[in-house]
């Protein structure tokens, strides 16, 4: 944050392995998570390295609940799309294991 002179972390939300959701910039504030796409969506980071290991069931469930809350509270449209960071930037993020999971979610789409 200091290097980039930001007042807050770039992500909208972060989720740990126990499923605890931490608010970064939150709803309604443009993040700094995906250059060129920040104003088009929210950045949810699940904490960890998911190149080969999958996130915990608690973390995944929290992500789904967070997204559902975004829809019910009017921050996300009901026809929202879930994409991985790699779908819009040259990166391995969110890791192959997590990416294979989110590809099965009903709103996944590039």
PDB file of N, CA and C in Angstrom:
ATOM      1  N   UNK A   1       0.823  -1.178   0.000  1.00  0.00           N
ATOM      2  CA  UNK A   1       0.000   0.000   0.000  1.00  0.00           C
ATOM      3  C   UNK A   1       0.873   1.250   0.000  1.00  0.00           C
ATOM      4  N   UNK A   2       1.909   1.257   0.823  1.00  0.00           N
ATOM      5  CA  UNK A   2       2.760   2.440   0.881  1.00  0.00           C
ATOM      6  C   UNK A   2       3.485   2.676  -0.433  1.00  0.00           C
ATOM      7  N   UNK A   3       3.986   1.611  -1.052  1.00  0.00           N
ATOM      8  CA  UNK A   3       4.706   1.739  -2.315  1.00  0.00           C
ATOM      9  C   UNK A   3       3.825   2.362  -3.389  1.00  0.00           C
ATOM     10  N   UNK A   4       2.566   1.956  -3.421  1.00  0.00           N
ATOM     11  CA  UNK A   4       1.629   2.468  -4.421  1.00  0.00           C
ATOM     12  C   UNK A   4       0.909   3.736  -3.986  1.00  0.00           C
ATOM     13  N   UNK A   5       1.167   4.166  -2.751  1.00  0.00           N
ATOM     14  CA  UNK A   5       0.519   5.356  -2.176  1.00  0.00           C
ATOM     15  C   UNK A   5      -1.000   5.204  -2.132  1.00  0.00           C
ATOM     16  N   UNK A   6      -1.449   4.002  -1.759  1.00  0.00           N
ATOM     17  CA  UNK A   6      -2.869   3.732  -1.602  1.00  0.00           C
ATOM     18  C   UNK A   6      -3.245   3.914  -0.145  1.00  0.00           C
ATOM     19  N   UNK A   7      -4.502   4.251   0.099  1.00  0.00           N
ATOM     20  CA  UNK A   7      -5.010   4.349   1.460  1.00  0.00           C
ATOM     21  C   UNK A   7      -5.488   3.002   1.987  1.00  0.00           C
ATOM     22  N   UNK A   8      -5.644   2.035   1.094  1.00  0.00           N
ATOM     23  CA  UNK A   8      -6.188   0.733   1.476  1.00  0.00           C
ATOM     24  C   UNK A   8      -5.638  -0.320   0.524  1.00  0.00           C
ATOM     25  N   UNK A   9      -5.839  -1.565   0.860  1.00  0.00           N
ATOM     26  CA  UNK A   9      -5.441  -2.663  -0.014  1.00  0.00           C
ATOM     27  C   UNK A   9      -6.255  -2.581  -1.312  1.00  0.00           C
ATOM     28  N   UNK A  10      -5.727  -3.085  -2.400  1.00  0.00           N
ATOM     29  CA  UNK A  10      -6.391  -2.959  -3.691  1.00  0.00           C
ATOM     30  C   UNK A  10      -7.641  -3.804  -3.864  1.00  0.00           C
ATOM     31  N   UNK A  11      -7.723  -4.922  -3.142  1.00  0.00           N
ATOM     32  CA  UNK A  11      -8.867  -5.826  -3.289  1.00  0.00           C
ATOM     33  C   UNK A  11     -10.110  -5.281  -2.592  1.00  0.00           C
ATOM     34  N   UNK A  12     -11.245  -5.688  -3.075  1.00  0.00           N
ATOM     35  CA  UNK A  12     -12.510  -5.315  -2.451  1.00  0.00           C
ATOM     36  C   UNK A  12     -12.725  -6.115  -1.171  1.00  0.00           C
ATOM     37  N   UNK A  13     -12.425  -7.414  -1.249  1.00  0.00           N
ATOM     38  CA  UNK A  13     -12.585  -8.310  -0.106  1.00  0.00           C
ATOM     39  C   UNK A  13     -11.497  -9.367  -0.136  1.00  0.00           C
ATOM     40  N   UNK A  14     -11.178  -9.900   1.037  1.00  0.00           N
ATOM     41  CA  UNK A  14     -10.233 -11.003   1.159  1.00  0.00           C
ATOM     42  C   UNK A  14     -10.871 -12.054   2.057  1.00  0.00           C
ATOM     43  N   UNK A  15     -10.591 -13.317   1.784  1.00  0.00           N
ATOM     44  CA  UNK A  15     -11.179 -14.413   2.551  1.00  0.00           C
ATOM     45  C   UNK A  15     -10.060 -15.343   2.980  1.00  0.00           C
ATOM     46  N   UNK A  16     -10.029 -15.666   4.277  1.00  0.00           N
ATOM     47  CA  UNK A  16      -8.982 -16.573   4.759  1.00  0.00           C
ATOM     48  C   UNK A  16      -9.470 -18.017   4.753  1.00  0.00           C
ATOM     49  N   UNK A  17      -8.593 -18.920   5.144  1.00  0.00           N
ATOM     50  CA  UNK A  17      -8.885 -20.344   5.106  1.00  0.00           C
ATOM     51  C   UNK A  17     -10.006 -20.788   6.021  1.00  0.00           C
ATOM     52  N   UNK A  18     -10.299 -19.992   7.059  1.00  0.00           N
ATOM     53  CA  UNK A  18     -11.409 -20.304   7.955  1.00  0.00           C
ATOM     54  C   UNK A  18     -12.730 -19.738   7.452  1.00  0.00           C
ATOM     55  N   UNK A  19     -12.673 -19.063   6.299  1.00  0.00           N
ATOM     56  CA  UNK A  19     -13.883 -18.487   5.734  1.00  0.00           C
ATOM     57  C   UNK A  19     -14.207 -17.094   6.239  1.00  0.00           C
ATOM     58  N   UNK A  20     -13.286 -16.502   7.000  1.00  0.00           N
ATOM     59  CA  UNK A  20     -13.507 -15.149   7.505  1.00  0.00           C
ATOM     60  C   UNK A  20     -13.319 -14.164   6.349  1.00  0.00           C
ATOM     61  N   UNK A  21     -14.290 -13.285   6.167  1.00  0.00           N
ATOM     62  CA  UNK A  21     -14.238 -12.280   5.108  1.00  0.00           C
ATOM     63  C   UNK A  21     -13.717 -10.978   5.700  1.00  0.00           C
ATOM     64  N   UNK A  22     -12.699 -10.433   5.063  1.00  0.00           N
ATOM     65  CA  UNK A  22     -12.133  -9.146   5.457  1.00  0.00           C
ATOM     66  C   UNK A  22     -12.488  -8.128   4.382  1.00  0.00           C
ATOM     67  N   UNK A  23     -12.966  -6.981   4.804  1.00  0.00           N
ATOM     68  CA  UNK A  23     -13.279  -5.938   3.836  1.00  0.00           C
ATOM     69  C   UNK A  23     -12.030  -5.147   3.520  1.00  0.00           C
ATOM     70  N   UNK A  24     -11.717  -5.073   2.231  1.00  0.00           N
ATOM     71  CA  UNK A  24     -10.665  -4.182   1.765  1.00  0.00           C
ATOM     72  C   UNK A  24     -11.336  -2.868   1.426  1.00  0.00           C
ATOM     73  N   UNK A  25     -11.509  -2.619   0.144  1.00  0.00           N
ATOM     74  CA  UNK A  25     -12.193  -1.391  -0.281  1.00  0.00           C
ATOM     75  C   UNK A  25     -13.709  -1.530  -0.205  1.00  0.00           C
ATOM     76  N   UNK A  26     -14.194  -2.751  -0.166  1.00  0.00           N
ATOM     77  CA  UNK A  26     -15.626  -2.985   0.010  1.00  0.00           C
ATOM     78  C   UNK A  26     -16.451  -2.723  -1.235  1.00  0.00           C
ATOM     79  N   UNK A  27     -17.757  -2.739  -1.026  1.00  0.00           N
ATOM     80  CA  UNK A  27     -18.709  -2.484  -2.112  1.00  0.00           C
ATOM     81  C   UNK A  27     -18.742  -0.998  -2.422  1.00  0.00           C
ATOM     82  N   UNK A  28     -18.978  -0.668  -3.673  1.00  0.00           N
ATOM     83  CA  UNK A  28     -19.204   0.714  -4.065  1.00  0.00           C
ATOM     84  C   UNK A  28     -17.964   1.575  -4.212  1.00  0.00           C
ATOM     85  N   UNK A  29     -16.781   1.003  -4.018  1.00  0.00           N
ATOM     86  CA  UNK A  29     -15.527   1.746  -4.158  1.00  0.00           C
ATOM     87  C   UNK A  29     -14.672   1.018  -5.186  1.00  0.00           C
ATOM     88  N   UNK A  30     -14.155   1.753  -6.149  1.00  0.00           N
ATOM     89  CA  UNK A  30     -13.325   1.149  -7.188  1.00  0.00           C
ATOM     90  C   UNK A  30     -12.041   0.623  -6.563  1.00  0.00           C
ATOM     91  N   UNK A  31     -11.733  -0.626  -6.848  1.00  0.00           N
ATOM     92  CA  UNK A  31     -10.527  -1.254  -6.320  1.00  0.00           C
ATOM     93  C   UNK A  31      -9.315  -0.971  -7.181  1.00  0.00           C
ATOM     94  N   UNK A  32      -8.223  -1.622  -6.820  1.00  0.00           N
ATOM     95  CA  UNK A  32      -6.972  -1.541  -7.586  1.00  0.00           C
ATOM     96  C   UNK A  32      -6.407  -2.952  -7.674  1.00  0.00           C
ATOM     97  N   UNK A  33      -7.213  -3.858  -8.202  1.00  0.00           N
ATOM     98  CA  UNK A  33      -6.869  -5.278  -8.222  1.00  0.00           C
ATOM     99  C   UNK A  33      -6.562  -5.804  -9.614  1.00  0.00           C
ATOM    100  N   UNK A  34      -7.115  -5.194 -10.656  1.00  0.00           N
ATOM    101  CA  UNK A  34      -6.959  -5.709 -12.010  1.00  0.00           C
ATOM    102  C   UNK A  34      -6.852  -4.536 -12.978  1.00  0.00           C
ATOM    103  N   UNK A  35      -5.634  -4.154 -13.290  1.00  0.00           N
ATOM    104  CA  UNK A  35      -5.404  -2.977 -14.135  1.00  0.00           C
ATOM    105  C   UNK A  35      -6.230  -3.056 -15.419  1.00  0.00           C
ATOM    106  N   UNK A  36      -6.949  -1.973 -15.680  1.00  0.00           N
ATOM    107  CA  UNK A  36      -7.795  -1.900 -16.857  1.00  0.00           C
ATOM    108  C   UNK A  36      -9.207  -2.413 -16.639  1.00  0.00           C
ATOM    109  N   UNK A  37      -9.453  -3.067 -15.504  1.00  0.00           N
ATOM    110  CA  UNK A  37     -10.767  -3.660 -15.236  1.00  0.00           C
ATOM    111  C   UNK A  37     -11.322  -3.280 -13.864  1.00  0.00           C
ATOM    112  N   UNK A  38     -10.605  -2.458 -13.118  1.00  0.00           N
ATOM    113  CA  UNK A  38     -11.014  -2.149 -11.748  1.00  0.00           C
ATOM    114  C   UNK A  38     -12.426  -1.584 -11.648  1.00  0.00           C
ATOM    115  N   UNK A  39     -12.813  -0.745 -12.582  1.00  0.00           N
ATOM    116  CA  UNK A  39     -14.135  -0.128 -12.511  1.00  0.00           C
ATOM    117  C   UNK A  39     -15.245  -1.049 -13.019  1.00  0.00           C
ATOM    118  N   UNK A  40     -14.874  -2.208 -13.530  1.00  0.00           N
ATOM    119  CA  UNK A  40     -15.864  -3.126 -14.095  1.00  0.00           C
ATOM    120  C   UNK A  40     -16.262  -4.254 -13.154  1.00  0.00           C
ATOM    121  N   UNK A  41     -15.641  -4.326 -11.996  1.00  0.00           N
ATOM    122  CA  UNK A  41     -15.979  -5.415 -11.091  1.00  0.00           C
ATOM    123  C   UNK A  41     -15.312  -5.268  -9.743  1.00  0.00           C
ATOM    124  N   UNK A  42     -15.490  -6.273  -8.932  1.00  0.00           N
ATOM    125  CA  UNK A  42     -14.921  -6.315  -7.591  1.00  0.00           C
ATOM    126  C   UNK A  42     -13.858  -7.396  -7.537  1.00  0.00           C
ATOM    127  N   UNK A  43     -12.830  -7.170  -6.751  1.00  0.00           N
ATOM    128  CA  UNK A  43     -11.762  -8.142  -6.584  1.00  0.00           C
ATOM    129  C   UNK A  43     -11.894  -8.865  -5.258  1.00  0.00           C
ATOM    130  N   UNK A  44     -12.112 -10.170  -5.322  1.00  0.00           N
ATOM    131  CA  UNK A  44     -12.186 -10.998  -4.116  1.00  0.00           C
ATOM    132  C   UNK A  44     -10.966 -11.906  -4.113  1.00  0.00           C
ATOM    133  N   UNK A  45     -10.139 -11.778  -3.104  1.00  0.00           N
ATOM    134  CA  UNK A  45      -8.941 -12.606  -2.983  1.00  0.00           C
ATOM    135  C   UNK A  45      -9.166 -13.661  -1.914  1.00  0.00           C
ATOM    136  N   UNK A  46      -8.955 -14.905  -2.277  1.00  0.00           N
ATOM    137  CA  UNK A  46      -8.927 -15.978  -1.284  1.00  0.00           C
ATOM    138  C   UNK A  46      -7.456 -16.171  -0.951  1.00  0.00           C
ATOM    139  N   UNK A  47      -7.127 -16.019   0.310  1.00  0.00           N
ATOM    140  CA  UNK A  47      -5.731 -16.003   0.729  1.00  0.00           C
ATOM    141  C   UNK A  47      -5.105 -17.387   0.656  1.00  0.00           C
ATOM    142  N   UNK A  48      -3.971 -17.482  -0.014  1.00  0.00           N
ATOM    143  CA  UNK A  48      -3.246 -18.739  -0.118  1.00  0.00           C
ATOM    144  C   UNK A  48      -2.678 -18.940  -1.503  1.00  0.00           C
ATOM    145  N   UNK A  49      -1.976 -20.049  -1.667  1.00  0.00           N
ATOM    146  CA  UNK A  49      -1.406 -20.438  -2.954  1.00  0.00           C
ATOM    147  C   UNK A  49      -2.216 -21.622  -3.464  1.00  0.00           C
ATOM    148  N   UNK A  50      -2.909 -21.430  -4.570  1.00  0.00           N
ATOM    149  CA  UNK A  50      -3.804 -22.463  -5.075  1.00  0.00           C
ATOM    150  C   UNK A  50      -3.371 -22.992  -6.434  1.00  0.00           C
ATOM    151  N   UNK A  51      -2.061 -23.045  -6.629  1.00  0.00           N
ATOM    152  CA  UNK A  51      -1.515 -23.624  -7.855  1.00  0.00           C
ATOM    153  C   UNK A  51      -1.880 -25.103  -7.941  1.00  0.00           C
ATOM    154  N   UNK A  52      -1.743 -25.817  -6.826  1.00  0.00           N
ATOM    155  CA  UNK A  52      -2.052 -27.249  -6.817  1.00  0.00           C
ATOM    156  C   UNK A  52      -3.049 -27.637  -5.730  1.00  0.00           C
ATOM    157  N   UNK A  53      -3.090 -26.903  -4.643  1.00  0.00           N
ATOM    158  CA  UNK A  53      -4.008 -27.205  -3.538  1.00  0.00           C
ATOM    159  C   UNK A  53      -5.249 -26.328  -3.643  1.00  0.00           C
ATOM    160  N   UNK A  54      -6.389 -26.903  -3.323  1.00  0.00           N
ATOM    161  CA  UNK A  54      -7.648 -26.159  -3.367  1.00  0.00           C
ATOM    162  C   UNK A  54      -7.862 -25.379  -2.083  1.00  0.00           C
ATOM    163  N   UNK A  55      -8.598 -24.275  -2.155  1.00  0.00           N
ATOM    164  CA  UNK A  55      -8.963 -23.552  -0.932  1.00  0.00           C
ATOM    165  C   UNK A  55      -9.882 -24.418  -0.079  1.00  0.00           C
ATOM    166  N   UNK A  56     -10.024 -24.035   1.166  1.00  0.00           N
ATOM    167  CA  UNK A  56     -10.905 -24.773   2.067  1.00  0.00           C
ATOM    168  C   UNK A  56     -12.358 -24.607   1.638  1.00  0.00           C
ATOM    169  N   UNK A  57     -13.167 -25.569   2.029  1.00  0.00           N
ATOM    170  CA  UNK A  57     -14.604 -25.489   1.755  1.00  0.00           C
ATOM    171  C   UNK A  57     -15.197 -24.247   2.410  1.00  0.00           C
ATOM    172  N   UNK A  58     -14.690 -23.887   3.594  1.00  0.00           N
ATOM    173  CA  UNK A  58     -15.184 -22.692   4.287  1.00  0.00           C
ATOM    174  C   UNK A  58     -14.903 -21.432   3.478  1.00  0.00           C
ATOM    175  N   UNK A  59     -13.709 -21.343   2.910  1.00  0.00           N
ATOM    176  CA  UNK A  59     -13.356 -20.165   2.107  1.00  0.00           C
ATOM    177  C   UNK A  59     -14.245 -20.071   0.874  1.00  0.00           C
ATOM    178  N   UNK A  60     -14.453 -21.191   0.213  1.00  0.00           N
ATOM    179  CA  UNK A  60     -15.284 -21.199  -0.991  1.00  0.00           C
ATOM    180  C   UNK A  60     -16.734 -20.847  -0.671  1.00  0.00           C
ATOM    181  N   UNK A  61     -17.242 -21.377   0.420  1.00  0.00           N
ATOM    182  CA  UNK A  61     -18.615 -21.074   0.821  1.00  0.00           C
ATOM    183  C   UNK A  61     -18.763 -19.595   1.169  1.00  0.00           C
ATOM    184  N   UNK A  62     -17.761 -19.038   1.833  1.00  0.00           N
ATOM    185  CA  UNK A  62     -17.803 -17.608   2.159  1.00  0.00           C
ATOM    186  C   UNK A  62     -17.796 -16.755   0.902  1.00  0.00           C
ATOM    187  N   UNK A  63     -17.022 -17.164  -0.092  1.00  0.00           N
ATOM    188  CA  UNK A  63     -16.998 -16.424  -1.358  1.00  0.00           C
ATOM    189  C   UNK A  63     -18.382 -16.438  -2.002  1.00  0.00           C
ATOM    190  N   UNK A  64     -19.017 -17.590  -2.001  1.00  0.00           N
ATOM    191  CA  UNK A  64     -20.356 -17.692  -2.588  1.00  0.00           C
ATOM    192  C   UNK A  64     -21.370 -16.848  -1.818  1.00  0.00           C
ATOM    193  N   UNK A  65     -21.277 -16.861  -0.493  1.00  0.00           N
ATOM    194  CA  UNK A  65     -22.193 -16.057   0.325  1.00  0.00           C
ATOM    195  C   UNK A  65     -21.955 -14.565   0.115  1.00  0.00           C
ATOM    196  N   UNK A  66     -20.687 -14.178  -0.009  1.00  0.00           N
ATOM    197  CA  UNK A  66     -20.349 -12.776  -0.250  1.00  0.00           C
ATOM    198  C   UNK A  66     -20.938 -12.306  -1.577  1.00  0.00           C
ATOM    199  N   UNK A  67     -20.788 -13.114  -2.602  1.00  0.00           N
ATOM    200  CA  UNK A  67     -21.341 -12.768  -3.913  1.00  0.00           C
ATOM    201  C   UNK A  67     -22.869 -12.676  -3.836  1.00  0.00           C
ATOM    202  N   UNK A  68     -23.498 -13.622  -3.165  1.00  0.00           N
ATOM    203  CA  UNK A  68     -24.962 -13.597  -3.014  1.00  0.00           C
ATOM    204  C   UNK A  68     -25.409 -12.338  -2.274  1.00  0.00           C
ATOM    205  N   UNK A  69     -24.651 -11.943  -1.261  1.00  0.00           N
ATOM    206  CA  UNK A  69     -24.971 -10.713  -0.530  1.00  0.00           C
ATOM    207  C   UNK A  69     -24.826  -9.499  -1.436  1.00  0.00           C
ATOM    208  N   UNK A  70     -23.817  -9.511  -2.300  1.00  0.00           N
ATOM    209  CA  UNK A  70     -23.641  -8.414  -3.244  1.00  0.00           C
ATOM    210  C   UNK A  70     -24.831  -8.264  -4.170  1.00  0.00           C
ATOM    211  N   UNK A  71     -25.401  -9.392  -4.584  1.00  0.00           N
ATOM    212  CA  UNK A  71     -26.594  -9.358  -5.435  1.00  0.00           C
ATOM    213  C   UNK A  71     -27.787  -8.864  -4.630  1.00  0.00           C
ATOM    214  N   UNK A  72     -28.026  -9.459  -3.467  1.00  0.00           N
ATOM    215  CA  UNK A  72     -29.218  -9.098  -2.684  1.00  0.00           C
ATOM    216  C   UNK A  72     -29.170  -7.658  -2.184  1.00  0.00           C
ATOM    217  N   UNK A  73     -27.970  -7.133  -1.966  1.00  0.00           N
ATOM    218  CA  UNK A  73     -27.831  -5.749  -1.494  1.00  0.00           C
ATOM    219  C   UNK A  73     -27.731  -4.741  -2.640  1.00  0.00           C
ATOM    220  N   UNK A  74     -27.770  -5.221  -3.878  1.00  0.00           N
ATOM    221  CA  UNK A  74     -27.795  -4.329  -5.025  1.00  0.00           C
ATOM    222  C   UNK A  74     -26.445  -3.859  -5.537  1.00  0.00           C
ATOM    223  N   UNK A  75     -25.360  -4.474  -5.086  1.00  0.00           N
ATOM    224  CA  UNK A  75     -24.032  -4.085  -5.563  1.00  0.00           C
ATOM    225  C   UNK A  75     -23.619  -4.859  -6.813  1.00  0.00           C
ATOM    226  N   UNK A  76     -24.198  -6.029  -6.997  1.00  0.00           N
ATOM    227  CA  UNK A  76     -23.941  -6.853  -8.179  1.00  0.00           C
ATOM    228  C   UNK A  76     -25.253  -7.100  -8.901  1.00  0.00           C
ATOM    229  N   UNK A  77     -25.191  -7.097 -10.216  1.00  0.00           N
ATOM    230  CA  UNK A  77     -26.374  -7.439 -11.000  1.00  0.00           C
ATOM    231  C   UNK A  77     -26.631  -8.939 -10.878  1.00  0.00           C
ATOM    232  N   UNK A  78     -27.853  -9.339 -11.078  1.00  0.00           N
ATOM    233  CA  UNK A  78     -28.180 -10.765 -10.975  1.00  0.00           C
ATOM    234  C   UNK A  78     -27.533 -11.584 -12.086  1.00  0.00           C
ATOM    235  N   UNK A  79     -27.135 -10.939 -13.175  1.00  0.00           N
ATOM    236  CA  UNK A  79     -26.457 -11.648 -14.267  1.00  0.00           C
ATOM    237  C   UNK A  79     -24.937 -11.424 -14.237  1.00  0.00           C
ATOM    238  N   UNK A  80     -24.394 -11.239 -13.033  1.00  0.00           N
ATOM    239  CA  UNK A  80     -22.952 -11.022 -12.864  1.00  0.00           C
ATOM    240  C   UNK A  80     -22.150 -12.176 -13.465  1.00  0.00           C
ATOM    241  N   UNK A  81     -20.887 -11.923 -13.722  1.00  0.00           N
ATOM    242  CA  UNK A  81     -19.956 -12.950 -14.191  1.00  0.00           C
ATOM    243  C   UNK A  81     -18.816 -13.086 -13.192  1.00  0.00           C
ATOM    244  N   UNK A  82     -18.389 -14.308 -12.963  1.00  0.00           N
ATOM    245  CA  UNK A  82     -17.201 -14.599 -12.164  1.00  0.00           C
ATOM    246  C   UNK A  82     -16.089 -14.969 -13.136  1.00  0.00           C
ATOM    247  N   UNK A  83     -14.955 -14.312 -13.005  1.00  0.00           N
ATOM    248  CA  UNK A  83     -13.789 -14.646 -13.822  1.00  0.00           C
ATOM    249  C   UNK A  83     -12.568 -14.716 -12.923  1.00  0.00           C
ATOM    250  N   UNK A  84     -11.572 -15.410 -13.395  1.00  0.00           N
ATOM    251  CA  UNK A  84     -10.295 -15.442 -12.695  1.00  0.00           C
ATOM    252  C   UNK A  84      -9.419 -14.296 -13.166  1.00  0.00           C
ATOM    253  N   UNK A  85      -8.505 -13.891 -12.327  1.00  0.00           N
ATOM    254  CA  UNK A  85      -7.566 -12.823 -12.675  1.00  0.00           C
ATOM    255  C   UNK A  85      -6.890 -13.125 -14.011  1.00  0.00           C
ATOM    256  N   UNK A  86      -6.577 -14.393 -14.255  1.00  0.00           N
ATOM    257  CA  UNK A  86      -5.897 -14.792 -15.495  1.00  0.00           C
ATOM    258  C   UNK A  86      -6.741 -14.568 -16.743  1.00  0.00           C
ATOM    259  N   UNK A  87      -8.042 -14.422 -16.580  1.00  0.00           N
ATOM    260  CA  UNK A  87      -8.908 -14.203 -17.735  1.00  0.00           C
ATOM    261  C   UNK A  87      -8.775 -12.800 -18.315  1.00  0.00           C
ATOM    262  N   UNK A  88      -8.238 -11.885 -17.529  1.00  0.00           N
ATOM    263  CA  UNK A  88      -8.120 -10.501 -17.991  1.00  0.00           C
ATOM    264  C   UNK A  88      -6.701  -9.949 -17.904  1.00  0.00           C
ATOM    265  N   UNK A  89      -5.786 -10.701 -17.307  1.00  0.00           N
ATOM    266  CA  UNK A  89      -4.389 -10.271 -17.175  1.00  0.00           C
ATOM    267  C   UNK A  89      -3.466 -11.464 -17.417  1.00  0.00           C
ATOM    268  N   UNK A  90      -2.233 -11.165 -17.706  1.00  0.00           N
ATOM    269  CA  UNK A  90      -1.239 -12.221 -17.889  1.00  0.00           C
ATOM    270  C   UNK A  90      -0.694 -12.630 -16.525  1.00  0.00           C
ATOM    271  N   UNK A  91      -1.317 -13.635 -15.917  1.00  0.00           N
ATOM    272  CA  UNK A  91      -0.946 -14.101 -14.587  1.00  0.00           C
ATOM    273  C   UNK A  91      -1.437 -15.536 -14.403  1.00  0.00           C
ATOM    274  N   UNK A  92      -0.859 -16.238 -13.461  1.00  0.00           N
ATOM    275  CA  UNK A  92      -1.328 -17.583 -13.108  1.00  0.00           C
ATOM    276  C   UNK A  92      -2.467 -17.524 -12.092  1.00  0.00           C
ATOM    277  N   UNK A  93      -2.691 -16.370 -11.519  1.00  0.00           N
ATOM    278  CA  UNK A  93      -3.710 -16.161 -10.500  1.00  0.00           C
ATOM    279  C   UNK A  93      -5.092 -16.503 -11.074  1.00  0.00           C
ATOM    280  N   UNK A  94      -5.903 -17.214 -10.376  1.00  0.00           N
ATOM    281  CA  UNK A  94      -5.875 -17.578  -8.970  1.00  0.00           C
ATOM    282  C   UNK A  94      -5.233 -18.932  -8.663  1.00  0.00           C
ATOM    283  N   UNK A  95      -4.473 -19.466  -9.571  1.00  0.00           N
ATOM    284  CA  UNK A  95      -3.889 -20.801  -9.411  1.00  0.00           C
ATOM    285  C   UNK A  95      -4.778 -21.837 -10.079  1.00  0.00           C
ATOM    286  N   UNK A  96      -4.160 -22.873 -10.605  1.00  0.00           N
ATOM    287  CA  UNK A  96      -4.915 -23.888 -11.357  1.00  0.00           C
ATOM    288  C   UNK A  96      -5.996 -24.575 -10.536  1.00  0.00           C
ATOM    289  N   UNK A  97      -5.702 -24.866  -9.270  1.00  0.00           N
ATOM    290  CA  UNK A  97      -6.684 -25.584  -8.443  1.00  0.00           C
ATOM    291  C   UNK A  97      -7.933 -24.738  -8.201  1.00  0.00           C
ATOM    292  N   UNK A  98      -7.747 -23.481  -7.824  1.00  0.00           N
ATOM    293  CA  UNK A  98      -8.904 -22.611  -7.589  1.00  0.00           C
ATOM    294  C   UNK A  98      -9.611 -22.288  -8.901  1.00  0.00           C
ATOM    295  N   UNK A  99      -8.865 -22.073  -9.953  1.00  0.00           N
ATOM    296  CA  UNK A  99      -9.477 -21.752 -11.240  1.00  0.00           C
ATOM    297  C   UNK A  99     -10.377 -22.895 -11.720  1.00  0.00           C
ATOM    298  N   UNK A 100      -9.931 -24.128 -11.518  1.00  0.00           N
ATOM    299  CA  UNK A 100     -10.755 -25.266 -11.944  1.00  0.00           C
ATOM    300  C   UNK A 100     -12.058 -25.331 -11.151  1.00  0.00           C
ATOM    301  N   UNK A 101     -12.053 -24.806  -9.941  1.00  0.00           N
ATOM    302  CA  UNK A 101     -13.280 -24.776  -9.129  1.00  0.00           C
ATOM    303  C   UNK A 101     -14.214 -23.676  -9.614  1.00  0.00           C
ATOM    304  N   UNK A 102     -13.695 -22.451  -9.775  1.00  0.00           N
ATOM    305  CA  UNK A 102     -14.597 -21.358 -10.155  1.00  0.00           C
ATOM    306  C   UNK A 102     -15.163 -21.550 -11.565  1.00  0.00           C
ATOM    307  N   UNK A 103     -14.466 -22.325 -12.386  1.00  0.00           N
ATOM    308  CA  UNK A 103     -15.000 -22.606 -13.727  1.00  0.00           C
ATOM    309  C   UNK A 103     -16.290 -23.422 -13.665  1.00  0.00           C
ATOM    310  N   UNK A 104     -16.550 -24.075 -12.535  1.00  0.00           N
ATOM    311  CA  UNK A 104     -17.776 -24.867 -12.390  1.00  0.00           C
ATOM    312  C   UNK A 104     -18.936 -24.043 -11.831  1.00  0.00           C
ATOM    313  N   UNK A 105     -18.662 -22.832 -11.380  1.00  0.00           N
ATOM    314  CA  UNK A 105     -19.707 -22.002 -10.792  1.00  0.00           C
ATOM    315  C   UNK A 105     -20.654 -21.505 -11.889  1.00  0.00           C
ATOM    316  N   UNK A 106     -21.945 -21.396 -11.577  1.00  0.00           N
ATOM    317  CA  UNK A 106     -22.933 -21.064 -12.598  1.00  0.00           C
ATOM    318  C   UNK A 106     -22.696 -19.730 -13.320  1.00  0.00           C
ATOM    319  N   UNK A 107     -22.099 -18.764 -12.674  1.00  0.00           N
ATOM    320  CA  UNK A 107     -21.908 -17.451 -13.294  1.00  0.00           C
ATOM    321  C   UNK A 107     -20.514 -17.266 -13.874  1.00  0.00           C
ATOM    322  N   UNK A 108     -19.753 -18.358 -13.985  1.00  0.00           N
ATOM    323  CA  UNK A 108     -18.421 -18.232 -14.575  1.00  0.00           C
ATOM    324  C   UNK A 108     -18.565 -17.885 -16.046  1.00  0.00           C
ATOM    325  N   UNK A 109     -17.754 -16.962 -16.485  1.00  0.00           N
ATOM    326  CA  UNK A 109     -17.770 -16.612 -17.904  1.00  0.00           C
ATOM    327  C   UNK A 109     -16.739 -15.564 -18.212  1.00  0.00           C
ATOM    328  N   UNK A 110     -16.023 -15.762 -19.292  1.00  0.00           N
ATOM    329  CA  UNK A 110     -14.987 -14.803 -19.680  1.00  0.00           C
ATOM    330  C   UNK A 110     -15.612 -13.598 -20.337  1.00  0.00           C
TER     331      UNK A 110
END
